[in-house]
Amino acid sequence: MATPGKLPDIPSLAIVVILVFALISIIFLIWYVILLYNGFKVSSNAKGTRPIVLFIVGIIVAELVSKFVIFKLI
């Protein structure tokens, strides 16, 4: 049970496992976004900075809409 003012005792091995998993997850997330952008660029024949900005805005809007819909369903 956690008490106010005292930090819980977390084993060092658990922290290392969490950090390794987090690092691997971030690497795969970056790889996923790169593959997603490359697919968008090839399928839409995108050239210039406007498609890049629209892609980023589209990803952010899709994330916000999905969070809103999931929140409303719960």
PDB file of N, CA and C in Angstrom:
ATOM      1  N   MET A   1       0.849  -1.168   0.000  1.00  0.00           N
ATOM      2  CA  MET A   1       0.000   0.000   0.000  1.00  0.00           C
ATOM      3  C   MET A   1       0.900   1.238   0.000  1.00  0.00           C
ATOM      4  N   ALA A   2       0.589   2.193  -0.842  1.00  0.00           N
ATOM      5  CA  ALA A   2       1.373   3.432  -0.926  1.00  0.00           C
ATOM      6  C   ALA A   2       0.945   4.383   0.187  1.00  0.00           C
ATOM      7  N   THR A   3       1.943   5.003   0.773  1.00  0.00           N
ATOM      8  CA  THR A   3       1.654   5.988   1.810  1.00  0.00           C
ATOM      9  C   THR A   3       2.035   7.367   1.292  1.00  0.00           C
ATOM     10  N   PRO A   4       1.304   8.387   1.705  1.00  0.00           N
ATOM     11  CA  PRO A   4       1.618   9.739   1.245  1.00  0.00           C
ATOM     12  C   PRO A   4       3.005  10.179   1.725  1.00  0.00           C
ATOM     13  N   GLY A   5       3.762  10.801   0.831  1.00  0.00           N
ATOM     14  CA  GLY A   5       5.069  11.302   1.196  1.00  0.00           C
ATOM     15  C   GLY A   5       6.195  10.300   1.080  1.00  0.00           C
ATOM     16  N   LYS A   6       5.885   9.033   0.769  1.00  0.00           N
ATOM     17  CA  LYS A   6       6.923   8.006   0.658  1.00  0.00           C
ATOM     18  C   LYS A   6       6.840   7.374  -0.723  1.00  0.00           C
ATOM     19  N   LEU A   7       7.981   7.298  -1.404  1.00  0.00           N
ATOM     20  CA  LEU A   7       8.016   6.686  -2.717  1.00  0.00           C
ATOM     21  C   LEU A   7       7.999   5.170  -2.594  1.00  0.00           C
ATOM     22  N   PRO A   8       7.296   4.494  -3.513  1.00  0.00           N
ATOM     23  CA  PRO A   8       7.289   3.027  -3.461  1.00  0.00           C
ATOM     24  C   PRO A   8       8.657   2.465  -3.851  1.00  0.00           C
ATOM     25  N   ASP A   9       8.973   1.312  -3.319  1.00  0.00           N
ATOM     26  CA  ASP A   9      10.241   0.650  -3.616  1.00  0.00           C
ATOM     27  C   ASP A   9      10.063  -0.214  -4.862  1.00  0.00           C
ATOM     28  N   ILE A  10      10.654   0.242  -5.971  1.00  0.00           N
ATOM     29  CA  ILE A  10      10.554  -0.476  -7.237  1.00  0.00           C
ATOM     30  C   ILE A  10      11.908  -1.126  -7.522  1.00  0.00           C
ATOM     31  N   PRO A  11      11.914  -2.423  -7.803  1.00  0.00           N
ATOM     32  CA  PRO A  11      13.187  -3.105  -8.075  1.00  0.00           C
ATOM     33  C   PRO A  11      13.879  -2.527  -9.318  1.00  0.00           C
ATOM     34  N   SER A  12      15.201  -2.519  -9.297  1.00  0.00           N
ATOM     35  CA  SER A  12      15.983  -1.977 -10.413  1.00  0.00           C
ATOM     36  C   SER A  12      15.734  -2.751 -11.698  1.00  0.00           C
ATOM     37  N   LEU A  13      15.567  -4.049 -11.602  1.00  0.00           N
ATOM     38  CA  LEU A  13      15.317  -4.869 -12.786  1.00  0.00           C
ATOM     39  C   LEU A  13      14.009  -4.455 -13.468  1.00  0.00           C
ATOM     40  N   ALA A  14      12.997  -4.141 -12.690  1.00  0.00           N
ATOM     41  CA  ALA A  14      11.717  -3.724 -13.255  1.00  0.00           C
ATOM     42  C   ALA A  14      11.872  -2.408 -14.013  1.00  0.00           C
ATOM     43  N   ILE A  15      12.652  -1.495 -13.484  1.00  0.00           N
ATOM     44  CA  ILE A  15      12.872  -0.214 -14.151  1.00  0.00           C
ATOM     45  C   ILE A  15      13.627  -0.418 -15.459  1.00  0.00           C
ATOM     46  N   VAL A  16      14.624  -1.298 -15.450  1.00  0.00           N
ATOM     47  CA  VAL A  16      15.393  -1.577 -16.663  1.00  0.00           C
ATOM     48  C   VAL A  16      14.499  -2.209 -17.724  1.00  0.00           C
ATOM     49  N   VAL A  17      13.655  -3.147 -17.339  1.00  0.00           N
ATOM     50  CA  VAL A  17      12.752  -3.799 -18.285  1.00  0.00           C
ATOM     51  C   VAL A  17      11.783  -2.773 -18.881  1.00  0.00           C
ATOM     52  N   ILE A  18      11.242  -1.905 -18.066  1.00  0.00           N
ATOM     53  CA  ILE A  18      10.321  -0.885 -18.549  1.00  0.00           C
ATOM     54  C   ILE A  18      11.030   0.068 -19.517  1.00  0.00           C
ATOM     55  N   LEU A  19      12.247   0.487 -19.197  1.00  0.00           N
ATOM     56  CA  LEU A  19      12.990   1.390 -20.071  1.00  0.00           C
ATOM     57  C   LEU A  19      13.333   0.741 -21.409  1.00  0.00           C
ATOM     58  N   VAL A  20      13.732  -0.527 -21.397  1.00  0.00           N
ATOM     59  CA  VAL A  20      14.046  -1.230 -22.641  1.00  0.00           C
ATOM     60  C   VAL A  20      12.789  -1.373 -23.492  1.00  0.00           C
ATOM     61  N   PHE A  21      11.690  -1.760 -22.874  1.00  0.00           N
ATOM     62  CA  PHE A  21      10.429  -1.891 -23.615  1.00  0.00           C
ATOM     63  C   PHE A  21       9.980  -0.549 -24.181  1.00  0.00           C
ATOM     64  N   ALA A  22      10.132   0.526 -23.416  1.00  0.00           N
ATOM     65  CA  ALA A  22       9.749   1.859 -23.887  1.00  0.00           C
ATOM     66  C   ALA A  22      10.596   2.282 -25.073  1.00  0.00           C
ATOM     67  N   LEU A  23      11.905   2.032 -25.013  1.00  0.00           N
ATOM     68  CA  LEU A  23      12.794   2.390 -26.109  1.00  0.00           C
ATOM     69  C   LEU A  23      12.446   1.613 -27.375  1.00  0.00           C
ATOM     70  N   ILE A  24      12.215   0.328 -27.242  1.00  0.00           N
ATOM     71  CA  ILE A  24      11.827  -0.491 -28.401  1.00  0.00           C
ATOM     72  C   ILE A  24      10.489  -0.022 -28.964  1.00  0.00           C
ATOM     73  N   SER A  25       9.551   0.311 -28.111  1.00  0.00           N
ATOM     74  CA  SER A  25       8.244   0.786 -28.564  1.00  0.00           C
ATOM     75  C   SER A  25       8.359   2.104 -29.321  1.00  0.00           C
ATOM     76  N   ILE A  26       9.190   3.011 -28.845  1.00  0.00           N
ATOM     77  CA  ILE A  26       9.379   4.293 -29.526  1.00  0.00           C
ATOM     78  C   ILE A  26      10.031   4.085 -30.890  1.00  0.00           C
ATOM     79  N   ILE A  27      10.999   3.192 -30.967  1.00  0.00           N
ATOM     80  CA  ILE A  27      11.644   2.904 -32.251  1.00  0.00           C
ATOM     81  C   ILE A  27      10.633   2.341 -33.250  1.00  0.00           C
ATOM     82  N   PHE A  28       9.788   1.418 -32.817  1.00  0.00           N
ATOM     83  CA  PHE A  28       8.777   0.859 -33.709  1.00  0.00           C
ATOM     84  C   PHE A  28       7.722   1.895 -34.087  1.00  0.00           C
ATOM     85  N   LEU A  29       7.389   2.796 -33.204  1.00  0.00           N
ATOM     86  CA  LEU A  29       6.430   3.851 -33.512  1.00  0.00           C
ATOM     87  C   LEU A  29       6.990   4.796 -34.574  1.00  0.00           C
ATOM     88  N   ILE A  30       8.249   5.153 -34.464  1.00  0.00           N
ATOM     89  CA  ILE A  30       8.890   6.006 -35.469  1.00  0.00           C
ATOM     90  C   ILE A  30       8.934   5.288 -36.814  1.00  0.00           C
ATOM     91  N   TRP A  31       9.283   4.004 -36.795  1.00  0.00           N
ATOM     92  CA  TRP A  31       9.313   3.208 -38.021  1.00  0.00           C
ATOM     93  C   TRP A  31       7.925   3.151 -38.665  1.00  0.00           C
ATOM     94  N   TYR A  32       6.880   2.985 -37.858  1.00  0.00           N
ATOM     95  CA  TYR A  32       5.507   2.939 -38.354  1.00  0.00           C
ATOM     96  C   TYR A  32       5.129   4.243 -39.042  1.00  0.00           C
ATOM     97  N   VAL A  33       5.468   5.374 -38.444  1.00  0.00           N
ATOM     98  CA  VAL A  33       5.129   6.677 -39.023  1.00  0.00           C
ATOM     99  C   VAL A  33       5.898   6.882 -40.336  1.00  0.00           C
ATOM    100  N   ILE A  34       7.148   6.467 -40.387  1.00  0.00           N
ATOM    101  CA  ILE A  34       7.932   6.581 -41.624  1.00  0.00           C
ATOM    102  C   ILE A  34       7.300   5.739 -42.735  1.00  0.00           C
ATOM    103  N   LEU A  35       6.922   4.507 -42.415  1.00  0.00           N
ATOM    104  CA  LEU A  35       6.267   3.666 -43.418  1.00  0.00           C
ATOM    105  C   LEU A  35       4.931   4.243 -43.852  1.00  0.00           C
ATOM    106  N   LEU A  36       4.181   4.797 -42.913  1.00  0.00           N
ATOM    107  CA  LEU A  36       2.896   5.419 -43.224  1.00  0.00           C
ATOM    108  C   LEU A  36       3.088   6.601 -44.157  1.00  0.00           C
ATOM    109  N   TYR A  37       4.090   7.445 -43.882  1.00  0.00           N
ATOM    110  CA  TYR A  37       4.350   8.597 -44.731  1.00  0.00           C
ATOM    111  C   TYR A  37       4.834   8.169 -46.116  1.00  0.00           C
ATOM    112  N   ASN A  38       5.714   7.182 -46.176  1.00  0.00           N
ATOM    113  CA  ASN A  38       6.184   6.706 -47.485  1.00  0.00           C
ATOM    114  C   ASN A  38       5.037   6.155 -48.329  1.00  0.00           C
ATOM    115  N   GLY A  39       4.129   5.445 -47.714  1.00  0.00           N
ATOM    116  CA  GLY A  39       2.954   4.951 -48.434  1.00  0.00           C
ATOM    117  C   GLY A  39       2.080   6.087 -48.920  1.00  0.00           C
ATOM    118  N   PHE A  40       1.893   7.112 -48.088  1.00  0.00           N
ATOM    119  CA  PHE A  40       1.117   8.283 -48.485  1.00  0.00           C
ATOM    120  C   PHE A  40       1.781   9.003 -49.647  1.00  0.00           C
ATOM    121  N   LYS A  41       3.097   9.172 -49.555  1.00  0.00           N
ATOM    122  CA  LYS A  41       3.836   9.902 -50.582  1.00  0.00           C
ATOM    123  C   LYS A  41       3.779   9.172 -51.930  1.00  0.00           C
ATOM    124  N   VAL A  42       3.928   7.863 -51.912  1.00  0.00           N
ATOM    125  CA  VAL A  42       3.898   7.086 -53.150  1.00  0.00           C
ATOM    126  C   VAL A  42       2.486   7.055 -53.744  1.00  0.00           C
ATOM    127  N   SER A  43       1.487   6.844 -52.912  1.00  0.00           N
ATOM    128  CA  SER A  43       0.129   6.704 -53.436  1.00  0.00           C
ATOM    129  C   SER A  43      -0.452   8.026 -53.924  1.00  0.00           C
ATOM    130  N   SER A  44      -0.010   9.154 -53.347  1.00  0.00           N
ATOM    131  CA  SER A  44      -0.560  10.447 -53.763  1.00  0.00           C
ATOM    132  C   SER A  44       0.395  11.239 -54.649  1.00  0.00           C
ATOM    133  N   ASN A  45       1.569  10.689 -54.951  1.00  0.00           N
ATOM    134  CA  ASN A  45       2.588  11.369 -55.753  1.00  0.00           C
ATOM    135  C   ASN A  45       2.884  12.757 -55.179  1.00  0.00           C
ATOM    136  N   ALA A  46       3.077  12.823 -53.876  1.00  0.00           N
ATOM    137  CA  ALA A  46       3.261  14.091 -53.168  1.00  0.00           C
ATOM    138  C   ALA A  46       4.661  14.648 -53.403  1.00  0.00           C
ATOM    139  N   LYS A  47       4.692  15.965 -53.697  1.00  0.00           N
ATOM    140  CA  LYS A  47       5.962  16.669 -53.855  1.00  0.00           C
ATOM    141  C   LYS A  47       5.832  18.026 -53.177  1.00  0.00           C
ATOM    142  N   GLY A  48       6.869  18.437 -52.466  1.00  0.00           N
ATOM    143  CA  GLY A  48       6.841  19.741 -51.807  1.00  0.00           C
ATOM    144  C   GLY A  48       6.519  19.628 -50.334  1.00  0.00           C
ATOM    145  N   THR A  49       6.352  20.789 -49.704  1.00  0.00           N
ATOM    146  CA  THR A  49       6.100  20.807 -48.260  1.00  0.00           C
ATOM    147  C   THR A  49       4.615  20.766 -47.918  1.00  0.00           C
ATOM    148  N   ARG A  50       3.749  21.198 -48.825  1.00  0.00           N
ATOM    149  CA  ARG A  50       2.311  21.210 -48.518  1.00  0.00           C
ATOM    150  C   ARG A  50       1.775  19.816 -48.181  1.00  0.00           C
ATOM    151  N   PRO A  51       2.082  18.782 -48.959  1.00  0.00           N
ATOM    152  CA  PRO A  51       1.598  17.440 -48.603  1.00  0.00           C
ATOM    153  C   PRO A  51       2.141  16.943 -47.261  1.00  0.00           C
ATOM    154  N   ILE A  52       3.375  17.324 -46.918  1.00  0.00           N
ATOM    155  CA  ILE A  52       3.943  16.916 -45.632  1.00  0.00           C
ATOM    156  C   ILE A  52       3.142  17.529 -44.499  1.00  0.00           C
ATOM    157  N   VAL A  53       2.849  18.821 -44.621  1.00  0.00           N
ATOM    158  CA  VAL A  53       2.069  19.511 -43.586  1.00  0.00           C
ATOM    159  C   VAL A  53       0.669  18.919 -43.496  1.00  0.00           C
ATOM    160  N   LEU A  54       0.036  18.674 -44.639  1.00  0.00           N
ATOM    161  CA  LEU A  54      -1.306  18.082 -44.629  1.00  0.00           C
ATOM    162  C   LEU A  54      -1.299  16.676 -44.040  1.00  0.00           C
ATOM    163  N   PHE A  55      -0.251  15.913 -44.287  1.00  0.00           N
ATOM    164  CA  PHE A  55      -0.132  14.575 -43.702  1.00  0.00           C
ATOM    165  C   PHE A  55      -0.050  14.661 -42.179  1.00  0.00           C
ATOM    166  N   ILE A  56       0.793  15.571 -41.682  1.00  0.00           N
ATOM    167  CA  ILE A  56       0.939  15.730 -40.232  1.00  0.00           C
ATOM    168  C   ILE A  56      -0.368  16.190 -39.607  1.00  0.00           C
ATOM    169  N   VAL A  57      -1.035  17.158 -40.238  1.00  0.00           N
ATOM    170  CA  VAL A  57      -2.324  17.648 -39.724  1.00  0.00           C
ATOM    171  C   VAL A  57      -3.357  16.517 -39.752  1.00  0.00           C
ATOM    172  N   GLY A  58      -3.349  15.733 -40.824  1.00  0.00           N
ATOM    173  CA  GLY A  58      -4.289  14.613 -40.920  1.00  0.00           C
ATOM    174  C   GLY A  58      -4.079  13.574 -39.832  1.00  0.00           C
ATOM    175  N   ILE A  59      -2.830  13.275 -39.518  1.00  0.00           N
ATOM    176  CA  ILE A  59      -2.529  12.322 -38.445  1.00  0.00           C
ATOM    177  C   ILE A  59      -3.011  12.859 -37.104  1.00  0.00           C
ATOM    178  N   ILE A  60      -2.756  14.133 -36.848  1.00  0.00           N
ATOM    179  CA  ILE A  60      -3.177  14.739 -35.573  1.00  0.00           C
ATOM    180  C   ILE A  60      -4.693  14.778 -35.468  1.00  0.00           C
ATOM    181  N   VAL A  61      -5.375  15.165 -36.549  1.00  0.00           N
ATOM    182  CA  VAL A  61      -6.849  15.211 -36.527  1.00  0.00           C
ATOM    183  C   VAL A  61      -7.418  13.808 -36.333  1.00  0.00           C
ATOM    184  N   ALA A  62      -6.860  12.813 -37.014  1.00  0.00           N
ATOM    185  CA  ALA A  62      -7.342  11.438 -36.851  1.00  0.00           C
ATOM    186  C   ALA A  62      -7.151  10.953 -35.417  1.00  0.00           C
ATOM    187  N   GLU A  63      -6.036  11.312 -34.804  1.00  0.00           N
ATOM    188  CA  GLU A  63      -5.785  10.931 -33.411  1.00  0.00           C
ATOM    189  C   GLU A  63      -6.794  11.592 -32.471  1.00  0.00           C
ATOM    190  N   LEU A  64      -7.037  12.878 -32.673  1.00  0.00           N
ATOM    191  CA  LEU A  64      -7.991  13.596 -31.820  1.00  0.00           C
ATOM    192  C   LEU A  64      -9.415  13.054 -31.977  1.00  0.00           C
ATOM    193  N   VAL A  65      -9.818  12.787 -33.217  1.00  0.00           N
ATOM    194  CA  VAL A  65     -11.165  12.257 -33.454  1.00  0.00           C
ATOM    195  C   VAL A  65     -11.306  10.872 -32.839  1.00  0.00           C
ATOM    196  N   SER A  66     -10.286  10.025 -32.979  1.00  0.00           N
ATOM    197  CA  SER A  66     -10.382   8.682 -32.399  1.00  0.00           C
ATOM    198  C   SER A  66     -10.450   8.741 -30.875  1.00  0.00           C
ATOM    199  N   LYS A  67      -9.672   9.650 -30.256  1.00  0.00           N
ATOM    200  CA  LYS A  67      -9.737   9.794 -28.796  1.00  0.00           C
ATOM    201  C   LYS A  67     -11.116  10.257 -28.359  1.00  0.00           C
ATOM    202  N   PHE A  68     -11.677  11.213 -29.101  1.00  0.00           N
ATOM    203  CA  PHE A  68     -13.015  11.729 -28.773  1.00  0.00           C
ATOM    204  C   PHE A  68     -14.076  10.645 -28.903  1.00  0.00           C
ATOM    205  N   VAL A  69     -14.023   9.873 -29.989  1.00  0.00           N
ATOM    206  CA  VAL A  69     -15.021   8.824 -30.199  1.00  0.00           C
ATOM    207  C   VAL A  69     -14.886   7.734 -29.145  1.00  0.00           C
ATOM    208  N   ILE A  70     -13.681   7.326 -28.833  1.00  0.00           N
ATOM    209  CA  ILE A  70     -13.479   6.296 -27.806  1.00  0.00           C
ATOM    210  C   ILE A  70     -13.953   6.807 -26.451  1.00  0.00           C
ATOM    211  N   PHE A  71     -13.682   8.079 -26.143  1.00  0.00           N
ATOM    212  CA  PHE A  71     -14.122   8.651 -24.869  1.00  0.00           C
ATOM    213  C   PHE A  71     -15.655   8.672 -24.788  1.00  0.00           C
ATOM    214  N   LYS A  72     -16.299   8.988 -25.908  1.00  0.00           N
ATOM    215  CA  LYS A  72     -17.766   9.042 -25.906  1.00  0.00           C
ATOM    216  C   LYS A  72     -18.388   7.641 -25.801  1.00  0.00           C
ATOM    217  N   LEU A  73     -17.694   6.619 -26.292  1.00  0.00           N
ATOM    218  CA  LEU A  73     -18.227   5.269 -26.222  1.00  0.00           C
ATOM    219  C   LEU A  73     -18.126   4.676 -24.830  1.00  0.00           C
ATOM    220  N   ILE A  74     -17.191   5.150 -24.046  1.00  0.00           N
ATOM    221  CA  ILE A  74     -16.990   4.602 -22.700  1.00  0.00           C
ATOM    222  C   ILE A  74     -17.846   5.248 -21.724  1.00  0.00           C
TER     223      ILE A  74
END
